[in-house]
């Protein structure tokens, strides 16, 4: 009986490794303004605040969104963390902003759908 409980606990632990976990606000080390050196996005930034994400969408225009949910999934093997930020987009539709954070690459961020592009935080 005891062995069965131990085995079940191991199965649950293994099943949950890599499972997203909810967090209540943007981690302090991610808060700030992020830029890329990619020429296609030279006039773009995004800013992470405690409970808000702001995108510069070009021509000096910005969109600000209150974050409604944050999940993170750590990948120890690849030394990266997937963040999934949910917010209300245009017309009230839920939108997800997914990016990988690489703590060992000077804290770089790469969007899940554009991993070749590196975003770095402004020093401030």
PDB file of N, CA and C in Angstrom:
ATOM      1  N   UNK A   1       0.823  -1.200   0.000  1.00  0.00           N
ATOM      2  CA  UNK A   1       0.000   0.000   0.000  1.00  0.00           C
ATOM      3  C   UNK A   1       0.863   1.258   0.000  1.00  0.00           C
ATOM      4  N   UNK A   2       1.859   1.268   0.868  1.00  0.00           N
ATOM      5  CA  UNK A   2       2.735   2.422   0.973  1.00  0.00           C
ATOM      6  C   UNK A   2       3.510   2.632  -0.331  1.00  0.00           C
ATOM      7  N   UNK A   3       3.991   1.547  -0.936  1.00  0.00           N
ATOM      8  CA  UNK A   3       4.728   1.624  -2.187  1.00  0.00           C
ATOM      9  C   UNK A   3       3.855   2.212  -3.306  1.00  0.00           C
ATOM     10  N   UNK A   4       2.562   1.870  -3.293  1.00  0.00           N
ATOM     11  CA  UNK A   4       1.620   2.396  -4.286  1.00  0.00           C
ATOM     12  C   UNK A   4       1.487   3.907  -4.189  1.00  0.00           C
ATOM     13  N   UNK A   5       1.440   4.433  -2.965  1.00  0.00           N
ATOM     14  CA  UNK A   5       1.334   5.884  -2.762  1.00  0.00           C
ATOM     15  C   UNK A   5       2.607   6.590  -3.226  1.00  0.00           C
ATOM     16  N   UNK A   6       3.759   6.004  -2.937  1.00  0.00           N
ATOM     17  CA  UNK A   6       5.028   6.581  -3.365  1.00  0.00           C
ATOM     18  C   UNK A   6       5.097   6.604  -4.884  1.00  0.00           C
ATOM     19  N   UNK A   7       4.717   5.512  -5.515  1.00  0.00           N
ATOM     20  CA  UNK A   7       4.722   5.422  -6.973  1.00  0.00           C
ATOM     21  C   UNK A   7       3.774   6.452  -7.577  1.00  0.00           C
ATOM     22  N   UNK A   8       2.603   6.601  -6.994  1.00  0.00           N
ATOM     23  CA  UNK A   8       1.630   7.587  -7.475  1.00  0.00           C
ATOM     24  C   UNK A   8       2.187   9.007  -7.334  1.00  0.00           C
ATOM     25  N   UNK A   9       2.852   9.297  -6.223  1.00  0.00           N
ATOM     26  CA  UNK A   9       3.453  10.616  -6.015  1.00  0.00           C
ATOM     27  C   UNK A   9       4.520  10.887  -7.064  1.00  0.00           C
ATOM     28  N   UNK A  10       5.309   9.905  -7.411  1.00  0.00           N
ATOM     29  CA  UNK A  10       6.347  10.069  -8.432  1.00  0.00           C
ATOM     30  C   UNK A  10       5.713  10.337  -9.790  1.00  0.00           C
ATOM     31  N   UNK A  11       4.663   9.610 -10.118  1.00  0.00           N
ATOM     32  CA  UNK A  11       3.964   9.808 -11.394  1.00  0.00           C
ATOM     33  C   UNK A  11       3.408  11.223 -11.479  1.00  0.00           C
ATOM     34  N   UNK A  12       2.787  11.707 -10.416  1.00  0.00           N
ATOM     35  CA  UNK A  12       2.225  13.063 -10.402  1.00  0.00           C
ATOM     36  C   UNK A  12       3.340  14.090 -10.545  1.00  0.00           C
ATOM     37  N   UNK A  13       4.450  13.905  -9.851  1.00  0.00           N
ATOM     38  CA  UNK A  13       5.566  14.834  -9.928  1.00  0.00           C
ATOM     39  C   UNK A  13       6.130  14.893 -11.339  1.00  0.00           C
ATOM     40  N   UNK A  14       6.355  13.758 -11.949  1.00  0.00           N
ATOM     41  CA  UNK A  14       6.894  13.712 -13.313  1.00  0.00           C
ATOM     42  C   UNK A  14       5.908  14.334 -14.294  1.00  0.00           C
ATOM     43  N   UNK A  15       4.633  14.086 -14.114  1.00  0.00           N
ATOM     44  CA  UNK A  15       3.615  14.627 -15.007  1.00  0.00           C
ATOM     45  C   UNK A  15       3.555  16.149 -14.927  1.00  0.00           C
ATOM     46  N   UNK A  16       3.844  16.701 -13.755  1.00  0.00           N
ATOM     47  CA  UNK A  16       3.745  18.147 -13.585  1.00  0.00           C
ATOM     48  C   UNK A  16       5.027  18.891 -13.922  1.00  0.00           C
ATOM     49  N   UNK A  17       6.126  18.209 -14.111  1.00  0.00           N
ATOM     50  CA  UNK A  17       7.343  18.903 -14.515  1.00  0.00           C
ATOM     51  C   UNK A  17       7.089  19.526 -15.868  1.00  0.00           C
ATOM     52  N   UNK A  18       7.348  20.802 -15.990  1.00  0.00           N
ATOM     53  CA  UNK A  18       7.083  21.482 -17.243  1.00  0.00           C
ATOM     54  C   UNK A  18       5.660  22.002 -17.353  1.00  0.00           C
ATOM     55  N   UNK A  19       4.817  21.730 -16.367  1.00  0.00           N
ATOM     56  CA  UNK A  19       3.464  22.260 -16.368  1.00  0.00           C
ATOM     57  C   UNK A  19       3.525  23.758 -16.072  1.00  0.00           C
ATOM     58  N   UNK A  20       2.717  24.551 -16.766  1.00  0.00           N
ATOM     59  CA  UNK A  20       2.717  25.975 -16.462  1.00  0.00           C
ATOM     60  C   UNK A  20       2.243  26.241 -15.035  1.00  0.00           C
ATOM     61  N   UNK A  21       2.837  27.228 -14.408  1.00  0.00           N
ATOM     62  CA  UNK A  21       2.377  27.645 -13.093  1.00  0.00           C
ATOM     63  C   UNK A  21       1.955  29.109 -13.188  1.00  0.00           C
ATOM     64  N   UNK A  22       0.913  29.459 -12.442  1.00  0.00           N
ATOM     65  CA  UNK A  22       0.417  30.833 -12.457  1.00  0.00           C
ATOM     66  C   UNK A  22       1.240  31.692 -11.514  1.00  0.00           C
ATOM     67  N   UNK A  23       1.470  32.923 -11.924  1.00  0.00           N
ATOM     68  CA  UNK A  23       2.099  33.905 -11.049  1.00  0.00           C
ATOM     69  C   UNK A  23       1.209  35.144 -11.053  1.00  0.00           C
ATOM     70  N   UNK A  24       1.346  35.986 -10.051  1.00  0.00           N
ATOM     71  CA  UNK A  24       0.403  37.094  -9.877  1.00  0.00           C
ATOM     72  C   UNK A  24       0.808  38.387 -10.569  1.00  0.00           C
ATOM     73  N   UNK A  25       2.084  38.561 -10.871  1.00  0.00           N
ATOM     74  CA  UNK A  25       2.516  39.775 -11.561  1.00  0.00           C
ATOM     75  C   UNK A  25       3.824  39.497 -12.305  1.00  0.00           C
ATOM     76  N   UNK A  26       4.179  40.415 -13.169  1.00  0.00           N
ATOM     77  CA  UNK A  26       5.413  40.276 -13.939  1.00  0.00           C
ATOM     78  C   UNK A  26       6.592  40.283 -12.967  1.00  0.00           C
ATOM     79  N   UNK A  27       7.491  39.318 -13.079  1.00  0.00           N
ATOM     80  CA  UNK A  27       8.666  39.302 -12.197  1.00  0.00           C
ATOM     81  C   UNK A  27       9.498  40.578 -12.332  1.00  0.00           C
ATOM     82  N   UNK A  28      10.060  40.995 -11.225  1.00  0.00           N
ATOM     83  CA  UNK A  28      10.827  42.247 -11.155  1.00  0.00           C
ATOM     84  C   UNK A  28      11.931  42.319 -12.213  1.00  0.00           C
ATOM     85  N   UNK A  29      12.617  41.213 -12.476  1.00  0.00           N
ATOM     86  CA  UNK A  29      13.731  41.240 -13.430  1.00  0.00           C
ATOM     87  C   UNK A  29      13.269  41.414 -14.884  1.00  0.00           C
ATOM     88  N   UNK A  30      11.981  41.294 -15.146  1.00  0.00           N
ATOM     89  CA  UNK A  30      11.460  41.495 -16.499  1.00  0.00           C
ATOM     90  C   UNK A  30      10.844  42.884 -16.690  1.00  0.00           C
ATOM     91  N   UNK A  31      10.591  43.568 -15.597  1.00  0.00           N
ATOM     92  CA  UNK A  31       9.971  44.892 -15.685  1.00  0.00           C
ATOM     93  C   UNK A  31      10.953  45.867 -16.316  1.00  0.00           C
ATOM     94  N   UNK A  32      10.475  46.558 -17.350  1.00  0.00           N
ATOM     95  CA  UNK A  32      11.308  47.547 -18.034  1.00  0.00           C
ATOM     96  C   UNK A  32      10.976  47.615 -19.512  1.00  0.00           C
ATOM     97  N   UNK A  33      11.792  48.396 -20.229  1.00  0.00           N
ATOM     98  CA  UNK A  33      11.618  48.606 -21.661  1.00  0.00           C
ATOM     99  C   UNK A  33      12.559  47.681 -22.417  1.00  0.00           C
ATOM    100  N   UNK A  34      12.018  47.008 -23.443  1.00  0.00           N
ATOM    101  CA  UNK A  34      12.756  46.023 -24.219  1.00  0.00           C
ATOM    102  C   UNK A  34      12.855  46.462 -25.670  1.00  0.00           C
ATOM    103  N   UNK A  35      14.059  46.316 -26.243  1.00  0.00           N
ATOM    104  CA  UNK A  35      14.335  46.687 -27.638  1.00  0.00           C
ATOM    105  C   UNK A  35      15.054  45.557 -28.352  1.00  0.00           C
ATOM    106  N   UNK A  36      14.961  45.581 -29.678  1.00  0.00           N
ATOM    107  CA  UNK A  36      15.705  44.642 -30.498  1.00  0.00           C
ATOM    108  C   UNK A  36      16.554  45.412 -31.502  1.00  0.00           C
ATOM    109  N   UNK A  37      17.624  44.796 -31.954  1.00  0.00           N
ATOM    110  CA  UNK A  37      18.478  45.416 -32.974  1.00  0.00           C
ATOM    111  C   UNK A  37      18.021  45.064 -34.382  1.00  0.00           C
ATOM    112  N   UNK A  38      16.963  44.296 -34.509  1.00  0.00           N
ATOM    113  CA  UNK A  38      16.437  43.925 -35.818  1.00  0.00           C
ATOM    114  C   UNK A  38      15.976  45.179 -36.568  1.00  0.00           C
ATOM    115  N   UNK A  39      16.469  45.395 -37.789  1.00  0.00           N
ATOM    116  CA  UNK A  39      16.104  46.600 -38.546  1.00  0.00           C
ATOM    117  C   UNK A  39      14.592  46.727 -38.788  1.00  0.00           C
ATOM    118  N   UNK A  40      13.901  45.618 -38.921  1.00  0.00           N
ATOM    119  CA  UNK A  40      12.461  45.661 -39.165  1.00  0.00           C
ATOM    120  C   UNK A  40      11.673  46.189 -37.971  1.00  0.00           C
ATOM    121  N   UNK A  41      12.295  46.178 -36.795  1.00  0.00           N
ATOM    122  CA  UNK A  41      11.610  46.614 -35.578  1.00  0.00           C
ATOM    123  C   UNK A  41      12.363  47.755 -34.887  1.00  0.00           C
ATOM    124  N   UNK A  42      13.127  48.515 -35.657  1.00  0.00           N
ATOM    125  CA  UNK A  42      13.946  49.598 -35.097  1.00  0.00           C
ATOM    126  C   UNK A  42      13.100  50.650 -34.374  1.00  0.00           C
ATOM    127  N   UNK A  43      11.865  50.849 -34.821  1.00  0.00           N
ATOM    128  CA  UNK A  43      11.007  51.865 -34.203  1.00  0.00           C
ATOM    129  C   UNK A  43      10.017  51.257 -33.213  1.00  0.00           C
ATOM    130  N   UNK A  44      10.295  50.040 -32.770  1.00  0.00           N
ATOM    131  CA  UNK A  44       9.369  49.345 -31.876  1.00  0.00           C
ATOM    132  C   UNK A  44      10.043  49.018 -30.551  1.00  0.00           C
ATOM    133  N   UNK A  45       9.254  49.065 -29.509  1.00  0.00           N
ATOM    134  CA  UNK A  45       9.668  48.608 -28.183  1.00  0.00           C
ATOM    135  C   UNK A  45       8.472  47.912 -27.561  1.00  0.00           C
ATOM    136  N   UNK A  46       8.716  47.203 -26.493  1.00  0.00           N
ATOM    137  CA  UNK A  46       7.606  46.822 -25.626  1.00  0.00           C
ATOM    138  C   UNK A  46       8.086  47.043 -24.204  1.00  0.00           C
ATOM    139  N   UNK A  47       7.144  47.348 -23.354  1.00  0.00           N
ATOM    140  CA  UNK A  47       7.458  47.604 -21.953  1.00  0.00           C
ATOM    141  C   UNK A  47       6.624  46.677 -21.089  1.00  0.00           C
ATOM    142  N   UNK A  48       7.293  46.037 -20.160  1.00  0.00           N
ATOM    143  CA  UNK A  48       6.606  45.206 -19.184  1.00  0.00           C
ATOM    144  C   UNK A  48       6.548  45.972 -17.871  1.00  0.00           C
ATOM    145  N   UNK A  49       5.360  46.095 -17.352  1.00  0.00           N
ATOM    146  CA  UNK A  49       5.134  46.690 -16.036  1.00  0.00           C
ATOM    147  C   UNK A  49       4.577  45.595 -15.138  1.00  0.00           C
ATOM    148  N   UNK A  50       4.394  45.896 -13.894  1.00  0.00           N
ATOM    149  CA  UNK A  50       3.955  44.887 -12.931  1.00  0.00           C
ATOM    150  C   UNK A  50       2.692  44.150 -13.388  1.00  0.00           C
ATOM    151  N   UNK A  51       1.705  44.869 -13.879  1.00  0.00           N
ATOM    152  CA  UNK A  51       0.434  44.268 -14.303  1.00  0.00           C
ATOM    153  C   UNK A  51      -0.039  44.801 -15.649  1.00  0.00           C
ATOM    154  N   UNK A  52       0.914  45.203 -16.480  1.00  0.00           N
ATOM    155  CA  UNK A  52       0.552  45.832 -17.745  1.00  0.00           C
ATOM    156  C   UNK A  52       1.642  45.578 -18.778  1.00  0.00           C
ATOM    157  N   UNK A  53       1.242  45.492 -20.046  1.00  0.00           N
ATOM    158  CA  UNK A  53       2.196  45.406 -21.142  1.00  0.00           C
ATOM    159  C   UNK A  53       1.864  46.538 -22.113  1.00  0.00           C
ATOM    160  N   UNK A  54       2.915  47.220 -22.579  1.00  0.00           N
ATOM    161  CA  UNK A  54       2.755  48.350 -23.491  1.00  0.00           C
ATOM    162  C   UNK A  54       3.567  48.052 -24.741  1.00  0.00           C
ATOM    163  N   UNK A  55       2.920  48.201 -25.906  1.00  0.00           N
ATOM    164  CA  UNK A  55       3.606  47.985 -27.176  1.00  0.00           C
ATOM    165  C   UNK A  55       3.692  49.295 -27.938  1.00  0.00           C
ATOM    166  N   UNK A  56       4.882  49.620 -28.448  1.00  0.00           N
ATOM    167  CA  UNK A  56       5.003  50.734 -29.382  1.00  0.00           C
ATOM    168  C   UNK A  56       4.726  50.130 -30.747  1.00  0.00           C
ATOM    169  N   UNK A  57       3.703  50.646 -31.427  1.00  0.00           N
ATOM    170  CA  UNK A  57       3.249  50.022 -32.664  1.00  0.00           C
ATOM    171  C   UNK A  57       3.695  50.800 -33.903  1.00  0.00           C
ATOM    172  N   UNK A  58       4.624  51.719 -33.724  1.00  0.00           N
ATOM    173  CA  UNK A  58       5.143  52.503 -34.843  1.00  0.00           C
ATOM    174  C   UNK A  58       4.562  53.899 -34.860  1.00  0.00           C
ATOM    175  N   UNK A  59       5.253  54.789 -35.559  1.00  0.00           N
ATOM    176  CA  UNK A  59       4.828  56.180 -35.718  1.00  0.00           C
ATOM    177  C   UNK A  59       4.523  56.852 -34.379  1.00  0.00           C
ATOM    178  N   UNK A  60       5.256  56.477 -33.343  1.00  0.00           N
ATOM    179  CA  UNK A  60       5.078  57.088 -32.031  1.00  0.00           C
ATOM    180  C   UNK A  60       3.797  56.700 -31.314  1.00  0.00           C
ATOM    181  N   UNK A  61       3.110  55.669 -31.792  1.00  0.00           N
ATOM    182  CA  UNK A  61       1.855  55.233 -31.176  1.00  0.00           C
ATOM    183  C   UNK A  61       2.109  54.061 -30.236  1.00  0.00           C
ATOM    184  N   UNK A  62       1.347  54.028 -29.152  1.00  0.00           N
ATOM    185  CA  UNK A  62       1.480  52.981 -28.142  1.00  0.00           C
ATOM    186  C   UNK A  62       0.123  52.344 -27.856  1.00  0.00           C
ATOM    187  N   UNK A  63       0.157  51.062 -27.509  1.00  0.00           N
ATOM    188  CA  UNK A  63      -1.029  50.356 -27.026  1.00  0.00           C
ATOM    189  C   UNK A  63      -0.697  49.812 -25.650  1.00  0.00           C
ATOM    190  N   UNK A  64      -1.555  50.077 -24.692  1.00  0.00           N
ATOM    191  CA  UNK A  64      -1.349  49.630 -23.322  1.00  0.00           C
ATOM    192  C   UNK A  64      -2.453  48.643 -22.956  1.00  0.00           C
ATOM    193  N   UNK A  65      -2.069  47.522 -22.326  1.00  0.00           N
ATOM    194  CA  UNK A  65      -3.032  46.487 -21.972  1.00  0.00           C
ATOM    195  C   UNK A  65      -2.786  45.999 -20.546  1.00  0.00           C
ATOM    196  N   UNK A  66      -3.873  45.886 -19.789  1.00  0.00           N
ATOM    197  CA  UNK A  66      -3.784  45.336 -18.442  1.00  0.00           C
ATOM    198  C   UNK A  66      -3.684  43.818 -18.548  1.00  0.00           C
ATOM    199  N   UNK A  67      -2.700  43.253 -17.877  1.00  0.00           N
ATOM    200  CA  UNK A  67      -2.490  41.810 -17.890  1.00  0.00           C
ATOM    201  C   UNK A  67      -3.533  41.154 -16.988  1.00  0.00           C
ATOM    202  N   UNK A  68      -4.196  40.128 -17.516  1.00  0.00           N
ATOM    203  CA  UNK A  68      -5.241  39.445 -16.758  1.00  0.00           C
ATOM    204  C   UNK A  68      -4.776  38.110 -16.182  1.00  0.00           C
ATOM    205  N   UNK A  69      -3.712  37.550 -16.749  1.00  0.00           N
ATOM    206  CA  UNK A  69      -3.224  36.247 -16.277  1.00  0.00           C
ATOM    207  C   UNK A  69      -1.773  36.084 -16.728  1.00  0.00           C
ATOM    208  N   UNK A  70      -0.968  35.459 -15.877  1.00  0.00           N
ATOM    209  CA  UNK A  70       0.428  35.177 -16.229  1.00  0.00           C
ATOM    210  C   UNK A  70       0.723  33.731 -15.851  1.00  0.00           C
ATOM    211  N   UNK A  71       1.296  33.008 -16.801  1.00  0.00           N
ATOM    212  CA  UNK A  71       1.757  31.648 -16.533  1.00  0.00           C
ATOM    213  C   UNK A  71       3.223  31.568 -16.923  1.00  0.00           C
ATOM    214  N   UNK A  72       3.941  30.709 -16.235  1.00  0.00           N
ATOM    215  CA  UNK A  72       5.346  30.493 -16.598  1.00  0.00           C
ATOM    216  C   UNK A  72       5.637  29.011 -16.560  1.00  0.00           C
ATOM    217  N   UNK A  73       6.502  28.615 -17.483  1.00  0.00           N
ATOM    218  CA  UNK A  73       6.886  27.211 -17.595  1.00  0.00           C
ATOM    219  C   UNK A  73       8.398  27.158 -17.759  1.00  0.00           C
ATOM    220  N   UNK A  74       9.078  26.608 -16.764  1.00  0.00           N
ATOM    221  CA  UNK A  74      10.541  26.551 -16.796  1.00  0.00           C
ATOM    222  C   UNK A  74      11.019  25.313 -17.545  1.00  0.00           C
ATOM    223  N   UNK A  75      12.031  25.518 -18.367  1.00  0.00           N
ATOM    224  CA  UNK A  75      12.669  24.423 -19.090  1.00  0.00           C
ATOM    225  C   UNK A  75      14.124  24.392 -18.628  1.00  0.00           C
ATOM    226  N   UNK A  76      14.409  23.583 -17.617  1.00  0.00           N
ATOM    227  CA  UNK A  76      15.747  23.526 -17.027  1.00  0.00           C
ATOM    228  C   UNK A  76      16.787  23.042 -18.032  1.00  0.00           C
ATOM    229  N   UNK A  77      16.399  22.107 -18.872  1.00  0.00           N
ATOM    230  CA  UNK A  77      17.333  21.533 -19.838  1.00  0.00           C
ATOM    231  C   UNK A  77      17.840  22.589 -20.821  1.00  0.00           C
ATOM    232  N   UNK A  78      16.931  23.400 -21.354  1.00  0.00           N
ATOM    233  CA  UNK A  78      17.311  24.428 -22.324  1.00  0.00           C
ATOM    234  C   UNK A  78      17.581  25.780 -21.668  1.00  0.00           C
ATOM    235  N   UNK A  79      17.466  25.838 -20.364  1.00  0.00           N
ATOM    236  CA  UNK A  79      17.754  27.043 -19.577  1.00  0.00           C
ATOM    237  C   UNK A  79      16.973  28.261 -20.075  1.00  0.00           C
ATOM    238  N   UNK A  80      15.657  28.062 -20.199  1.00  0.00           N
ATOM    239  CA  UNK A  80      14.791  29.147 -20.612  1.00  0.00           C
ATOM    240  C   UNK A  80      13.461  29.022 -19.877  1.00  0.00           C
ATOM    241  N   UNK A  81      12.730  30.118 -19.845  1.00  0.00           N
ATOM    242  CA  UNK A  81      11.429  30.154 -19.186  1.00  0.00           C
ATOM    243  C   UNK A  81      10.413  30.702 -20.180  1.00  0.00           C
ATOM    244  N   UNK A  82       9.340  29.963 -20.392  1.00  0.00           N
ATOM    245  CA  UNK A  82       8.252  30.433 -21.242  1.00  0.00           C
ATOM    246  C   UNK A  82       7.274  31.213 -20.377  1.00  0.00           C
ATOM    247  N   UNK A  83       6.978  32.443 -20.777  1.00  0.00           N
ATOM    248  CA  UNK A  83       5.962  33.253 -20.112  1.00  0.00           C
ATOM    249  C   UNK A  83       4.787  33.407 -21.060  1.00  0.00           C
ATOM    250  N   UNK A  84       3.599  33.261 -20.511  1.00  0.00           N
ATOM    251  CA  UNK A  84       2.367  33.451 -21.271  1.00  0.00           C
ATOM    252  C   UNK A  84       1.576  34.537 -20.556  1.00  0.00           C
ATOM    253  N   UNK A  85       1.543  35.731 -21.153  1.00  0.00           N
ATOM    254  CA  UNK A  85       0.807  36.851 -20.576  1.00  0.00           C
ATOM    255  C   UNK A  85      -0.507  36.974 -21.327  1.00  0.00           C
ATOM    256  N   UNK A  86      -1.612  36.981 -20.618  1.00  0.00           N
ATOM    257  CA  UNK A  86      -2.925  37.164 -21.226  1.00  0.00           C
ATOM    258  C   UNK A  86      -3.400  38.574 -20.916  1.00  0.00           C
ATOM    259  N   UNK A  87      -4.023  39.200 -21.914  1.00  0.00           N
ATOM    260  CA  UNK A  87      -4.578  40.537 -21.735  1.00  0.00           C
ATOM    261  C   UNK A  87      -5.746  40.712 -22.689  1.00  0.00           C
ATOM    262  N   UNK A  88      -6.544  41.731 -22.427  1.00  0.00           N
ATOM    263  CA  UNK A  88      -7.666  42.043 -23.313  1.00  0.00           C
ATOM    264  C   UNK A  88      -7.131  42.898 -24.450  1.00  0.00           C
ATOM    265  N   UNK A  89      -7.264  42.388 -25.657  1.00  0.00           N
ATOM    266  CA  UNK A  89      -6.806  43.107 -26.846  1.00  0.00           C
ATOM    267  C   UNK A  89      -7.914  43.978 -27.401  1.00  0.00           C
ATOM    268  N   UNK A  90      -7.771  44.316 -28.668  1.00  0.00           N
ATOM    269  CA  UNK A  90      -8.787  45.122 -29.339  1.00  0.00           C
ATOM    270  C   UNK A  90     -10.140  44.441 -29.245  1.00  0.00           C
ATOM    271  N   UNK A  91     -11.163  45.230 -29.090  1.00  0.00           N
ATOM    272  CA  UNK A  91     -12.543  44.749 -29.024  1.00  0.00           C
ATOM    273  C   UNK A  91     -12.773  43.760 -27.888  1.00  0.00           C
ATOM    274  N   UNK A  92     -11.910  43.774 -26.869  1.00  0.00           N
ATOM    275  CA  UNK A  92     -12.114  42.953 -25.687  1.00  0.00           C
ATOM    276  C   UNK A  92     -11.756  41.489 -25.828  1.00  0.00           C
ATOM    277  N   UNK A  93     -11.151  41.115 -26.949  1.00  0.00           N
ATOM    278  CA  UNK A  93     -10.754  39.721 -27.135  1.00  0.00           C
ATOM    279  C   UNK A  93      -9.520  39.393 -26.300  1.00  0.00           C
ATOM    280  N   UNK A  94      -9.521  38.197 -25.703  1.00  0.00           N
ATOM    281  CA  UNK A  94      -8.340  37.781 -24.945  1.00  0.00           C
ATOM    282  C   UNK A  94      -7.203  37.508 -25.923  1.00  0.00           C
ATOM    283  N   UNK A  95      -6.056  38.072 -25.617  1.00  0.00           N
ATOM    284  CA  UNK A  95      -4.869  37.924 -26.438  1.00  0.00           C
ATOM    285  C   UNK A  95      -3.759  37.388 -25.565  1.00  0.00           C
ATOM    286  N   UNK A  96      -2.918  36.559 -26.145  1.00  0.00           N
ATOM    287  CA  UNK A  96      -1.790  35.989 -25.403  1.00  0.00           C
ATOM    288  C   UNK A  96      -0.487  36.494 -26.008  1.00  0.00           C
ATOM    289  N   UNK A  97       0.436  36.886 -25.144  1.00  0.00           N
ATOM    290  CA  UNK A  97       1.778  37.327 -25.518  1.00  0.00           C
ATOM    291  C   UNK A  97       2.726  36.280 -24.945  1.00  0.00           C
ATOM    292  N   UNK A  98       3.342  35.492 -25.830  1.00  0.00           N
ATOM    293  CA  UNK A  98       4.210  34.392 -25.412  1.00  0.00           C
ATOM    294  C   UNK A  98       5.662  34.719 -25.744  1.00  0.00           C
ATOM    295  N   UNK A  99       6.521  34.563 -24.750  1.00  0.00           N
ATOM    296  CA  UNK A  99       7.947  34.782 -24.996  1.00  0.00           C
ATOM    297  C   UNK A  99       8.782  33.902 -24.085  1.00  0.00           C
ATOM    298  N   UNK A 100       9.994  33.654 -24.558  1.00  0.00           N
ATOM    299  CA  UNK A 100      10.971  32.913 -23.758  1.00  0.00           C
ATOM    300  C   UNK A 100      11.944  33.907 -23.139  1.00  0.00           C
ATOM    301  N   UNK A 101      12.253  33.685 -21.881  1.00  0.00           N
ATOM    302  CA  UNK A 101      13.263  34.479 -21.187  1.00  0.00           C
ATOM    303  C   UNK A 101      14.470  33.581 -20.961  1.00  0.00           C
ATOM    304  N   UNK A 102      15.634  34.082 -21.328  1.00  0.00           N
ATOM    305  CA  UNK A 102      16.887  33.337 -21.199  1.00  0.00           C
ATOM    306  C   UNK A 102      17.766  34.012 -20.149  1.00  0.00           C
ATOM    307  N   UNK A 103      17.624  33.659 -18.881  1.00  0.00           N
ATOM    308  CA  UNK A 103      18.391  34.315 -17.817  1.00  0.00           C
ATOM    309  C   UNK A 103      19.900  34.257 -18.033  1.00  0.00           C
ATOM    310  N   UNK A 104      20.402  33.171 -18.617  1.00  0.00           N
ATOM    311  CA  UNK A 104      21.844  33.029 -18.792  1.00  0.00           C
ATOM    312  C   UNK A 104      22.368  33.713 -20.057  1.00  0.00           C
ATOM    313  N   UNK A 105      21.487  34.243 -20.891  1.00  0.00           N
ATOM    314  CA  UNK A 105      21.893  35.005 -22.073  1.00  0.00           C
ATOM    315  C   UNK A 105      21.686  36.491 -21.799  1.00  0.00           C
ATOM    316  N   UNK A 106      22.226  36.959 -20.707  1.00  0.00           N
ATOM    317  CA  UNK A 106      22.074  38.351 -20.263  1.00  0.00           C
ATOM    318  C   UNK A 106      20.612  38.760 -20.173  1.00  0.00           C
ATOM    319  N   UNK A 107      19.753  37.789 -19.862  1.00  0.00           N
ATOM    320  CA  UNK A 107      18.343  38.083 -19.651  1.00  0.00           C
ATOM    321  C   UNK A 107      17.554  38.336 -20.918  1.00  0.00           C
ATOM    322  N   UNK A 108      18.034  37.861 -22.052  1.00  0.00           N
ATOM    323  CA  UNK A 108      17.375  38.099 -23.341  1.00  0.00           C
ATOM    324  C   UNK A 108      15.966  37.521 -23.368  1.00  0.00           C
ATOM    325  N   UNK A 109      15.138  38.143 -24.194  1.00  0.00           N
ATOM    326  CA  UNK A 109      13.793  37.647 -24.479  1.00  0.00           C
ATOM    327  C   UNK A 109      13.717  37.350 -25.972  1.00  0.00           C
ATOM    328  N   UNK A 110      13.064  36.243 -26.278  1.00  0.00           N
ATOM    329  CA  UNK A 110      12.778  35.874 -27.676  1.00  0.00           C
ATOM    330  C   UNK A 110      11.299  35.507 -27.740  1.00  0.00           C
ATOM    331  N   UNK A 111      10.583  36.090 -28.708  1.00  0.00           N
ATOM    332  CA  UNK A 111       9.178  35.760 -28.866  1.00  0.00           C
ATOM    333  C   UNK A 111       9.058  34.313 -29.314  1.00  0.00           C
ATOM    334  N   UNK A 112       8.042  33.649 -28.858  1.00  0.00           N
ATOM    335  CA  UNK A 112       7.869  32.239 -29.204  1.00  0.00           C
ATOM    336  C   UNK A 112       7.744  32.063 -30.716  1.00  0.00           C
ATOM    337  N   UNK A 113       7.116  33.007 -31.396  1.00  0.00           N
ATOM    338  CA  UNK A 113       6.918  32.883 -32.841  1.00  0.00           C
ATOM    339  C   UNK A 113       8.017  33.561 -33.673  1.00  0.00           C
ATOM    340  N   UNK A 114       9.025  34.156 -33.023  1.00  0.00           N
ATOM    341  CA  UNK A 114      10.140  34.808 -33.727  1.00  0.00           C
ATOM    342  C   UNK A 114      11.415  34.614 -32.913  1.00  0.00           C
ATOM    343  N   UNK A 115      11.833  33.377 -32.744  1.00  0.00           N
ATOM    344  CA  UNK A 115      12.931  33.091 -31.840  1.00  0.00           C
ATOM    345  C   UNK A 115      14.287  33.578 -32.348  1.00  0.00           C
ATOM    346  N   UNK A 116      14.379  33.914 -33.611  1.00  0.00           N
ATOM    347  CA  UNK A 116      15.650  34.422 -34.132  1.00  0.00           C
ATOM    348  C   UNK A 116      15.907  35.871 -33.704  1.00  0.00           C
ATOM    349  N   UNK A 117      14.867  36.569 -33.294  1.00  0.00           N
ATOM    350  CA  UNK A 117      14.983  37.970 -32.899  1.00  0.00           C
ATOM    351  C   UNK A 117      15.205  38.073 -31.388  1.00  0.00           C
ATOM    352  N   UNK A 118      16.258  38.778 -30.986  1.00  0.00           N
ATOM    353  CA  UNK A 118      16.609  38.916 -29.570  1.00  0.00           C
ATOM    354  C   UNK A 118      16.205  40.303 -29.084  1.00  0.00           C
ATOM    355  N   UNK A 119      15.519  40.332 -27.959  1.00  0.00           N
ATOM    356  CA  UNK A 119      15.135  41.584 -27.309  1.00  0.00           C
ATOM    357  C   UNK A 119      15.934  41.707 -26.015  1.00  0.00           C
ATOM    358  N   UNK A 120      16.469  42.891 -25.773  1.00  0.00           N
ATOM    359  CA  UNK A 120      17.237  43.132 -24.543  1.00  0.00           C
ATOM    360  C   UNK A 120      16.615  44.308 -23.796  1.00  0.00           C
ATOM    361  N   UNK A 121      16.769  44.257 -22.488  1.00  0.00           N
ATOM    362  CA  UNK A 121      16.174  45.289 -21.633  1.00  0.00           C
ATOM    363  C   UNK A 121      17.099  46.496 -21.580  1.00  0.00           C
ATOM    364  N   UNK A 122      16.491  47.675 -21.677  1.00  0.00           N
ATOM    365  CA  UNK A 122      17.241  48.922 -21.526  1.00  0.00           C
ATOM    366  C   UNK A 122      17.790  49.001 -20.118  1.00  0.00           C
ATOM    367  N   UNK A 123      18.983  49.474 -20.018  1.00  0.00           N
ATOM    368  CA  UNK A 123      19.550  49.706 -18.684  1.00  0.00           C
ATOM    369  C   UNK A 123      19.002  51.038 -18.191  1.00  0.00           C
ATOM    370  N   UNK A 124      18.593  51.054 -16.955  1.00  0.00           N
ATOM    371  CA  UNK A 124      17.983  52.283 -16.480  1.00  0.00           C
ATOM    372  C   UNK A 124      18.199  52.500 -15.089  1.00  0.00           C
TER     373      UNK A 124
END
